[in-house]
């Protein structure tokens, strides 16, 4: 640092002067010092040297006392041509950009702007991108329905054979899922009414048509019989009379569409007429009832203050708990997903919650397997929790799904309260993972985990579902029906009616491309910004420092070269003047040499050539305009801290004067010698 400070001082010292200024200073000071121009030349020379030494020390002292900030400002700024103000040099600009780049890279590492932007994008705001995707998801969502057609209705009703079923389908419909009438609330939630209209997809249904004839259960008759089986005798007699008058049969032939979306039924019509609070519909259809959202209203979180929760349930029909279940495990739907968007920033060991009205309960999903790629995005498989329908047989927490304390066989869940009091139970397709008795009592059941398992593929950072396949079976689970002989064949039997798959194979290309940018490309902002800032900053700083070092080293070499040339010139002049060959001037003698020639030759006796020779600039730095603001920086480390008159030079000059006086030709000698030296110097050059 000391050497660096010296270099700064040398760069900006301003002790170079023109000879005429020096002469003026000498003439101004000489009278004050009591020295006369008629004094001895040696004495006058000594006085001049002392005066110049004092002036130089004052300049150096003033230079040393410069403010460090001023020195740096001078180093990094250069004057504008013809103006007093200064402008930043390129090195200063590079240093500033380098420091700024490093600071920017550090801030990117600390603040992680991508995470801030992504969390901001997750928040639901009216008209926002994520909100629009949630309100009207631009995805291809389908429901595939498989019916269990009864193939031996007469033999079964006669009690001769076990019930036989045959799976027919799929009947495919496109589900247009939307959230309508959205209202933003002051507690950072939004309320909406769901809508899920279905559109028939003939091409995807293969050779199946909606008007295909199927043999299915008479849901209305069996449901009313089951509800009144344990009622008083008079109630049962009235129902028997009603069933006989309407010629109702427990198994009916109908079309696939009528069974799914409702067919005319005298019992349903009577129920709607006399019991409108219970039977609010005139047609009974499983899919129609499952997709009836007319009385639903839901509330979701907007993501403030936690963006990970945006799009998740806050309440269903104004409650966080489902009324048909007891306990938080079975009834709490808060933070569940309706399948549009799951929780964001999901950890590897974290479960997510799924709720759908048709399932009548929340169900937990957990991660399995390794990361998979769907389109341009990567996600993980999530499946239903183990023993989800075990009713507490294995998982004690699931005992709360036993309705009114009555636990159905393993593999079933009683959802009677969600289906108007009908004896409806849910299971996995073909009673997969259920009690073996369920499969043995029905012919035509063949569970297959590869075909009948449910899977959700979720992108964990965004909670975006990349693919999903939810498979659930709807059954009628009967108890004792012996009080009604016409349906007593169904005693303690669980009959499968249909199973469905709500599926989305992949995201559309437009959505895949958009989230590929958000989830794969945009995250590179953090590492690229950090490393680019750091590397750019280090590179610029290294270049600027190296450039400055080279510049200062080059300046030092130029100064040394100029000084050496001045030394050689002085010694050549000495030799040409006939002085001793073994004498060489030191750096400090150069100033003295030029000054003495001025002192020894008064202006009145000078020739034109003498004036030309003696009025040259006395400092080597004056020979190089680019270095006019550079000078001797200090008295330290120099051979000439105190400038003294060389004995050899002073004695030689003095003896020359005496000789000239003795010859009586003082004026001739004073003028001839400089002219001779000047001519020889010209010949040399």
Foldseek 3Di string as FASTA:
>chain_A
DVVVVLLLLQQFQFLFDFVVVLVVVLVVCCVVVVHDLPDDLVVSLQVSQVVSLVVVAVSLVVSVPDDPVVSVVPVQWDPDVPDDDTDGDPLVVLLVLLVVLQVQLVCLQVVVVLVVVVLVLLFDDVVGPNVVCLQFPPFFWKKWKKFWFWDPVPCLLVVNDFTETAIDWGFMWTWGWGWPPWDQDPVQKIKTFIATDIHTDVVVTPPDDQQAKGKFFPQLLQQVLQVCLPPDPVVLVVSVVVCVVQVDAGIDIGGNNCQAQFDADPSLQVCCVPPVVQRVDRTDHNNNLQRDRPPKMFMAGRQVPHSQRHQAGPAIPPHQFDPQFDDCVWTGRGQAHQQQFHGAQDDQADWHWHDGLSQVTIFIWHFDDDWDDFQLAIWTKIFTDPQRQCCCPPPVVNVRQCGVNNRDWRFWGAPCVSRSNGQKIKGFALSPVTDVVLNVSYHHRDDDCVPTTWIWTARHRGRGTFKTKDKMWIWHAHDQSVSDSSPRSCHRHIGTTMMMITIGGGGDPVVSVVVSCSPPVSSVCSVVSNVVSNVSSVVSNVVSVVVVVVVSVVVVVVVVVLLVVLQVLVLVLCVLLPADNPDGDDSLCQLSVLVSLDSLDDPVLEDPVSVVVNSGRSDSQVVPVVSSSGDNNDLPPDPPVDRDDDPRVVVVVVVLQVVCVVVVNNSCSSHVSVVSSSVVSVVVD
